[in-house]
């Protein structure tokens, strides 16, 4: 008599889920009936890194490994997912990260989805591909001044536009690219800049998805690019691009004129091994995540090293192949800690006293003006 091995496996899995569910319900009832005092939370680590500039530093704030870390799921929701086998909030291999006013978006090429966390309301949702807009390897994220989200997908060669109001996902490009990775909206000229890694160029698009121009070409000259990976734009409209295989950062005007460059290959502090994500804070400091160094290096406007943030490991403040990075209007730094399957949140503090730096409610807290 033949046995359907797949059916046996599915049946065994279902039985295990039911048993686990019963055990968890029993445990919850026991804890609710017997507990007399609430459990004590684990001590919050106090991690702070001084920058080369006096009184300026970066502090660790929190880790986000799933919706529960932002109040997005309760016990019963997680229990339901275990029973149904749908763990919608599991982070696979995060890369691009984006903070809007009320939401945090996380591109997850490991799962082919984008996670959408509601910071203020605690909600959570997945942005998954459709037949007309297939998401296979979402990498980069940006938002325009209308609140529309743009997602670059390196495998499909496309950029998609997501509307948070109706949760619609539509193709944005008129014509696909070789391998789009980094993406950033420039509020100065309303253009969207995309690093086309295989073409070693920056593609400039208008709001209709029409290509307007290309910046750079393959090479190591001052205007050359060699496999650019990520891109950021500061408040003045200047463009910062991670020129990965030239092991440098290039700063350009919106028209593509090179303003300055810095960086050389190496595995010591101040050098680049595998630079990936890039972001700029309100003071013009430049943050570059380096996957092989398991660190985020921070430089001033001129390219002088200010701080090396983190080291190899799994604890808070440590990284395992960090990739994407973004900085919000409160100077909160979000780093995609890729192989630790989480986002780590830090904060840049300029001339802020120690008491404020160690406040357990530092996340999203409004700080007094710098002295």
Protein backbone atom coordinates (compact mmCIF):
# COMPACT_ATOMS: atom_id res chain seq x y z
CA UNK A 1 0.00 0.00 0.00
CA UNK A 2 1.46 3.38 -1.05
CA UNK A 3 1.59 6.27 1.39
CA UNK A 4 1.39 9.91 0.41
CA UNK A 5 4.41 11.31 2.27
CA UNK A 6 3.39 14.92 1.63
CA UNK A 7 -0.04 14.34 3.19
CA UNK A 8 1.55 12.69 6.22
CA UNK A 9 3.90 15.67 6.65
CA UNK A 10 1.05 18.18 6.35
CA UNK A 11 -1.05 16.19 8.81
CA UNK A 12 1.78 15.97 11.32
CA UNK A 13 2.37 19.71 11.03
CA UNK A 14 -1.30 20.43 11.66
CA UNK A 15 -1.31 18.16 14.71
CA UNK A 16 1.77 19.88 16.12
CA UNK A 17 0.15 23.28 15.69
CA UNK A 18 -3.02 22.18 17.47
CA UNK A 19 -1.00 20.70 20.35
CA UNK A 20 1.12 23.85 20.62
CA UNK A 21 -2.02 25.97 20.62
CA UNK A 22 -3.59 23.96 23.45
CA UNK A 23 -0.41 24.12 25.50
CA UNK A 24 -0.08 27.88 25.04
CA UNK A 25 -3.71 28.51 26.01
CA UNK A 26 -3.29 26.37 29.11
CA UNK A 27 -0.07 28.15 30.02
CA UNK A 28 -1.69 31.55 29.54
CA UNK A 29 -4.62 30.62 31.75
CA UNK A 30 -2.26 29.34 34.44
CA UNK A 31 -0.14 32.48 34.32
CA UNK A 32 -3.21 34.75 34.43
CA UNK A 33 -4.64 32.89 37.43
CA UNK A 34 -1.47 32.52 39.46
CA UNK A 35 0.64 35.57 38.76
CA UNK A 36 0.55 38.17 41.52
CA UNK A 37 3.04 40.66 40.09
CA UNK A 38 3.81 41.60 36.49
CA UNK A 39 7.05 40.16 35.02
CA UNK A 40 10.05 42.45 35.13
CA UNK A 41 11.26 43.73 31.77
CA UNK A 42 14.83 43.04 30.78
CA UNK A 43 17.19 45.95 31.47
CA UNK A 44 17.50 48.29 28.52
CA UNK A 45 21.14 48.48 27.38
CA UNK A 46 22.72 51.92 27.59
CA UNK A 47 24.83 52.22 24.45
CA UNK A 48 26.42 55.47 23.38
CA UNK A 49 29.20 56.29 20.91
CA UNK A 50 31.00 59.65 21.03
CA UNK A 51 31.73 61.34 17.73
CA UNK A 52 34.92 63.19 16.93
CA UNK A 53 33.02 66.47 17.23
CA UNK A 54 32.73 67.59 20.85
CA UNK A 55 29.48 66.73 22.67
CA UNK A 56 27.98 65.00 19.62
CA UNK A 57 27.23 61.30 19.79
CA UNK A 58 25.02 58.45 18.64
CA UNK A 59 22.92 56.36 21.05
CA UNK A 60 21.20 53.02 20.53
CA UNK A 61 17.41 53.25 20.89
CA UNK A 62 15.75 49.91 20.08
CA UNK A 63 15.59 46.81 17.87
CA UNK A 64 12.68 46.03 15.56
CA UNK A 65 12.51 42.33 14.67
CA UNK A 66 8.77 42.20 13.97
CA UNK A 67 5.42 43.92 14.54
CA UNK A 68 5.42 43.08 18.26
CA UNK A 69 8.35 45.47 18.80
CA UNK A 70 6.12 48.35 17.71
CA UNK A 71 2.93 47.09 19.35
CA UNK A 72 1.64 45.68 16.07
CA UNK A 73 0.62 42.22 17.28
CA UNK A 74 -0.70 40.82 20.51
CA UNK A 75 -0.51 37.29 21.88
CA UNK A 76 -3.74 36.12 20.25
CA UNK A 77 -2.74 37.38 16.83
CA UNK A 78 0.59 35.53 17.03
CA UNK A 79 -1.21 32.44 18.27
CA UNK A 80 -3.60 32.56 15.32
CA UNK A 81 -0.68 32.78 12.89
CA UNK A 82 0.98 29.72 14.43
CA UNK A 83 -2.23 27.72 14.09
CA UNK A 84 -2.82 28.86 10.50
CA UNK A 85 0.83 28.54 9.54
CA UNK A 86 0.97 32.14 8.29
CA UNK A 87 3.71 34.08 10.06
CA UNK A 88 3.11 37.31 8.14
CA UNK A 89 5.41 39.45 10.27
CA UNK A 90 8.54 37.31 9.99
CA UNK A 91 11.49 39.27 8.59
CA UNK A 92 13.62 37.32 6.14
CA UNK A 93 16.56 39.35 4.82
CA UNK A 94 15.86 43.08 5.20
CA UNK A 95 17.57 45.64 3.01
CA UNK A 96 15.92 48.98 2.21
CA UNK A 97 14.34 50.91 5.06
CA UNK A 98 12.16 54.02 4.98
CA UNK A 99 10.53 56.08 7.72
CA UNK A 100 7.60 58.33 6.82
CA UNK A 101 5.64 60.48 9.29
CA UNK A 102 3.67 57.62 10.83
CA UNK A 103 4.99 54.46 9.20
CA UNK A 104 8.12 52.37 8.81
CA UNK A 105 8.64 50.45 5.56
CA UNK A 106 11.13 47.61 5.25
CA UNK A 107 12.07 46.03 1.91
CA UNK A 108 12.66 42.31 2.38
CA UNK A 109 14.20 40.61 -0.68
CA UNK A 110 14.53 37.42 1.35
CA UNK A 111 10.73 37.09 1.32
CA UNK A 112 9.94 39.17 -1.75
CA UNK A 113 7.73 41.57 0.24
CA UNK A 114 7.76 44.98 1.90
CA UNK A 115 6.80 45.17 5.59
CA UNK A 116 4.61 48.12 6.56
CA UNK A 117 4.59 49.08 10.24
CA UNK A 118 2.31 51.76 11.64
CA UNK A 119 4.36 53.57 14.30
CA UNK A 120 1.55 55.54 15.94
CA UNK A 121 -1.34 53.07 15.68
CA UNK A 122 0.53 49.81 16.04
CA UNK A 123 -0.86 48.34 12.79
CA UNK A 124 1.02 46.02 10.47
CA UNK A 125 0.57 44.91 6.86
CA UNK A 126 2.50 43.23 4.07
CA UNK A 127 2.98 44.72 0.62
CA UNK A 128 3.15 41.72 -1.69
CA UNK A 129 3.39 41.54 -5.46
CA UNK A 130 0.48 41.06 -7.83
CA UNK A 131 0.22 39.54 -11.29
CA UNK A 132 0.72 42.96 -12.88
CA UNK A 133 3.26 44.13 -10.30
CA UNK A 134 5.34 41.12 -9.21
CA UNK A 135 7.70 41.77 -6.30
CA UNK A 136 10.63 39.37 -6.36
CA UNK A 137 13.55 41.20 -4.80
CA UNK A 138 12.47 44.59 -3.41
CA UNK A 139 15.60 46.51 -2.46
CA UNK A 140 15.22 50.29 -2.29
CA UNK A 141 12.50 52.58 -0.90
CA UNK A 142 11.71 56.26 -1.10
CA UNK A 143 8.70 58.57 -0.67
CA UNK A 144 7.67 61.68 -2.62
CA UNK A 145 6.04 64.84 -1.31
CA UNK A 146 2.58 63.40 -1.99
CA UNK A 147 3.25 60.45 0.32
CA UNK A 148 3.55 57.89 -2.49
CA UNK A 149 6.09 55.09 -1.89
CA UNK A 150 8.50 53.91 -4.61
CA UNK A 151 9.99 50.41 -4.49
CA UNK A 152 12.94 49.29 -6.63
CA UNK A 153 13.08 45.57 -7.48
CA UNK A 154 16.49 44.34 -8.60
CA UNK A 155 15.25 41.06 -10.11
CA UNK A 156 12.34 42.38 -12.17
CA UNK A 157 14.30 45.47 -13.22
CA UNK A 158 11.33 47.61 -12.26
CA UNK A 159 10.28 50.37 -9.92
CA UNK A 160 6.77 50.13 -8.45
CA UNK A 161 4.65 52.85 -6.88
CA UNK A 162 2.60 52.11 -3.76
CA UNK A 163 -0.27 54.28 -2.63
CA UNK A 164 -0.73 53.99 1.17
CA UNK A 165 -4.29 55.34 0.97
CA UNK A 166 -5.73 52.46 -1.06
CA UNK A 167 -2.82 49.96 -0.75
CA UNK A 168 -2.48 49.80 -4.55
CA UNK A 169 0.80 48.68 -6.15
CA UNK A 170 1.41 49.67 -9.78
CA UNK A 171 4.39 49.67 -12.19
CA UNK A 172 6.07 53.07 -12.30
CA UNK A 173 8.68 52.79 -15.07
CA UNK A 174 7.88 53.11 -18.74
CA UNK A 175 10.90 50.90 -19.46
CA UNK A 176 12.72 48.47 -17.16
CA UNK A 177 16.30 48.92 -15.96
CA UNK A 178 19.21 46.46 -15.78
CA UNK A 179 19.35 46.16 -11.98
CA UNK A 180 17.74 49.01 -10.02
CA UNK A 181 18.84 49.14 -6.38
CA UNK A 182 19.05 52.46 -4.52
CA UNK A 183 16.30 55.02 -5.01
CA UNK A 184 15.69 58.54 -3.67
CA UNK A 185 13.25 61.40 -4.27
CA UNK A 186 14.70 64.88 -4.67
CA UNK A 187 12.31 67.49 -3.22
CA UNK A 188 14.25 70.26 -4.95
CA UNK A 189 13.45 69.31 -8.57
CA UNK A 190 10.78 66.62 -7.90
CA UNK A 191 12.82 63.97 -9.75
CA UNK A 192 13.44 60.40 -8.64
CA UNK A 193 17.02 59.09 -8.79
CA UNK A 194 17.71 55.36 -9.17
CA UNK A 195 21.06 53.60 -9.12
CA UNK A 196 21.11 51.10 -12.02
CA UNK A 197 23.85 48.92 -10.63
CA UNK A 198 24.64 46.74 -13.66
CA UNK A 199 24.65 49.77 -15.96
CA UNK A 200 26.88 51.67 -13.50
CA UNK A 201 24.69 54.74 -13.87
CA UNK A 202 22.18 56.90 -12.01
CA UNK A 203 18.86 57.13 -13.83
CA UNK A 204 16.82 60.32 -13.37
CA UNK A 205 13.03 59.90 -13.67
CA UNK A 206 10.15 62.34 -13.61
CA UNK A 207 6.91 61.76 -11.66
CA UNK A 208 5.41 59.97 -14.69
CA UNK A 209 8.17 57.37 -14.74
CA UNK A 210 9.79 58.84 -17.85
CA UNK A 211 13.57 58.76 -18.01
CA UNK A 212 15.02 62.26 -18.23
CA UNK A 213 18.74 61.63 -18.16
CA UNK A 214 21.49 59.30 -16.98
CA UNK A 215 24.41 60.34 -14.81
CA UNK A 216 27.87 58.74 -14.89
CA UNK A 217 29.27 55.82 -16.82
CA UNK A 218 31.38 52.75 -16.07
CA UNK A 219 34.87 53.73 -14.98
CA UNK A 220 37.06 55.00 -12.16
CA UNK A 221 37.49 58.57 -13.37
CA UNK A 222 36.02 61.48 -11.42
CA UNK A 223 32.72 61.16 -13.31
CA UNK A 224 32.82 57.35 -13.47
CA UNK A 225 30.79 54.85 -11.46
CA UNK A 226 31.43 51.17 -10.85
CA UNK A 227 28.41 49.22 -9.60
CA UNK A 228 26.72 51.94 -7.51
CA UNK A 229 24.47 50.43 -4.85
CA UNK A 230 22.63 53.10 -2.90
CA UNK A 231 21.73 56.76 -3.07
CA UNK A 232 20.61 59.51 -0.70
CA UNK A 233 19.62 63.16 -1.09
CA UNK A 234 20.06 65.86 1.53
CA UNK A 235 17.88 68.88 2.31
CA UNK A 236 19.78 70.98 -0.23
CA UNK A 237 19.11 68.52 -3.05
CA UNK A 238 22.67 67.20 -3.22
CA UNK A 239 23.03 63.55 -4.26
CA UNK A 240 25.16 61.05 -2.34
CA UNK A 241 25.91 57.77 -4.08
CA UNK A 242 27.71 54.66 -2.83
CA UNK A 243 30.14 53.89 -5.66
CA UNK A 244 30.72 50.36 -4.42
CA UNK A 245 33.50 48.94 -6.61
CA UNK A 246 35.33 52.25 -6.75
CA UNK A 247 35.19 52.07 -2.93
CA UNK A 248 34.18 55.69 -2.55
CA UNK A 249 31.31 58.07 -1.96
CA UNK A 250 30.49 60.62 -4.66
CA UNK A 251 28.56 63.80 -3.93
CA UNK A 252 26.82 65.40 -6.91
CA UNK A 253 24.57 68.32 -7.73
CA UNK A 254 21.02 67.50 -8.91
CA UNK A 255 22.33 67.94 -12.47
CA UNK A 256 25.08 65.37 -11.92
CA UNK A 257 28.14 67.60 -11.46
CA UNK A 258 30.60 65.99 -9.02
CA UNK A 259 31.08 68.19 -5.95
CA UNK A 260 33.47 65.98 -4.01
CA UNK A 261 34.49 62.35 -3.45
CA UNK A 262 36.10 60.43 -0.62
CA UNK A 263 37.03 56.87 0.26
CA UNK A 264 39.55 54.18 -0.65
CA UNK A 265 39.49 50.36 -0.42
CA UNK A 266 40.61 48.69 2.80
CA UNK A 267 39.47 46.89 5.92
CA UNK A 268 40.52 49.49 8.51
CA UNK A 269 38.42 52.29 9.96
CA UNK A 270 37.81 55.08 7.46
CA UNK A 271 38.20 52.73 4.48
CA UNK A 272 35.54 50.79 2.56
CA UNK A 273 35.24 47.02 2.15
CA UNK A 274 31.69 46.56 0.87
CA UNK A 275 29.83 49.86 1.22
CA UNK A 276 26.07 49.61 0.80
CA UNK A 277 23.49 51.92 2.38
CA UNK A 278 23.98 55.67 2.70
CA UNK A 279 22.11 58.46 4.52
CA UNK A 280 22.66 62.04 5.69
CA UNK A 281 21.58 63.64 8.99
CA UNK A 282 20.41 67.21 9.57
CA UNK A 283 23.96 68.42 10.25
CA UNK A 284 25.30 66.99 7.00
CA UNK A 285 27.06 63.98 8.54
CA UNK A 286 27.23 61.07 6.08
CA UNK A 287 26.41 57.52 7.26
CA UNK A 288 27.64 54.52 5.25
CA UNK A 289 26.85 50.92 6.18
CA UNK A 290 29.64 48.50 5.28
CA UNK A 291 28.54 44.88 5.07
CA UNK A 292 31.98 43.29 5.39
CA UNK A 293 33.01 45.53 8.28
CA UNK A 294 29.69 44.87 10.10
CA UNK A 295 29.60 48.55 10.95
CA UNK A 296 28.22 51.96 10.03
CA UNK A 297 30.90 54.58 9.41
CA UNK A 298 30.02 58.23 9.91
CA UNK A 299 31.87 61.03 8.07
CA UNK A 300 31.52 64.80 8.17
CA UNK A 301 30.73 66.88 5.06
CA UNK A 302 34.37 66.87 3.97
CA UNK A 303 34.71 63.10 4.27
CA UNK A 304 36.64 63.05 7.56
CA UNK A 305 35.80 60.04 9.73
CA UNK A 306 33.76 60.94 12.82
CA UNK A 307 32.73 57.57 14.22
CA UNK A 308 32.57 53.84 13.54
CA UNK A 309 29.25 52.58 14.87
CA UNK A 310 28.93 48.92 15.89
CA UNK A 311 30.94 45.76 15.32
CA UNK A 312 30.34 42.11 14.41
CA UNK A 313 27.80 40.29 16.59
CA UNK A 314 24.17 39.68 17.42
CA UNK A 315 23.72 41.87 20.50
CA UNK A 316 22.18 45.33 20.45
CA UNK A 317 24.55 47.77 18.76
CA UNK A 318 26.24 44.97 16.82
CA UNK A 319 25.70 44.02 13.17
CA UNK A 320 25.76 41.07 10.82
CA UNK A 321 26.01 42.32 7.22
CA UNK A 322 24.18 45.65 7.56
CA UNK A 323 22.75 47.08 4.35
CA UNK A 324 20.10 49.78 3.95
CA UNK A 325 19.97 52.85 6.16
CA UNK A 326 17.74 55.90 6.50
CA UNK A 327 17.50 58.91 8.84
CA UNK A 328 14.21 60.59 9.71
CA UNK A 329 13.48 64.22 10.58
CA UNK A 330 14.25 63.57 14.27
CA UNK A 331 17.73 62.29 13.37
CA UNK A 332 16.69 58.72 14.21
CA UNK A 333 18.87 56.28 12.29
CA UNK A 334 17.33 53.04 11.00
CA UNK A 335 19.81 50.34 9.94
CA UNK A 336 18.76 47.12 8.19
CA UNK A 337 20.77 44.53 10.15
CA UNK A 338 20.35 41.99 7.37
CA UNK A 339 21.51 38.64 8.72
CA UNK A 340 20.34 39.43 12.25
CA UNK A 341 16.91 39.82 10.58
CA UNK A 342 16.03 43.11 12.24
CA UNK A 343 16.20 46.87 12.06
CA UNK A 344 18.28 48.66 14.68
CA UNK A 345 17.29 52.19 15.63
CA UNK A 346 19.88 54.71 16.79
CA UNK A 347 19.77 58.46 17.25
CA UNK A 348 22.16 61.26 16.47
CA UNK A 349 22.41 63.71 19.35
CA UNK A 350 24.10 67.08 19.02
CA UNK A 351 24.90 68.93 22.27
CA UNK A 352 22.28 67.00 24.27
CA UNK A 353 22.88 66.28 27.98
CA UNK A 354 23.42 62.69 29.17
CA UNK A 355 20.06 62.42 30.93
CA UNK A 356 18.25 62.92 27.65
CA UNK A 357 20.53 60.47 25.86
CA UNK A 358 19.58 57.62 28.20
CA UNK A 359 15.85 58.25 28.39
CA UNK A 360 13.99 54.97 27.82
CA UNK A 361 11.34 56.86 25.83
CA UNK A 362 13.91 58.29 23.39
CA UNK A 363 12.20 56.73 20.35
CA UNK A 364 10.20 59.44 18.56
CA UNK A 365 10.75 61.84 21.46
CA UNK A 366 11.05 65.53 20.63
CA UNK A 367 14.35 66.82 21.97
CA UNK A 368 15.18 70.39 22.97
CA UNK A 369 17.16 72.48 20.44
CA UNK A 370 20.91 72.00 20.40
CA UNK A 371 22.94 74.58 22.30
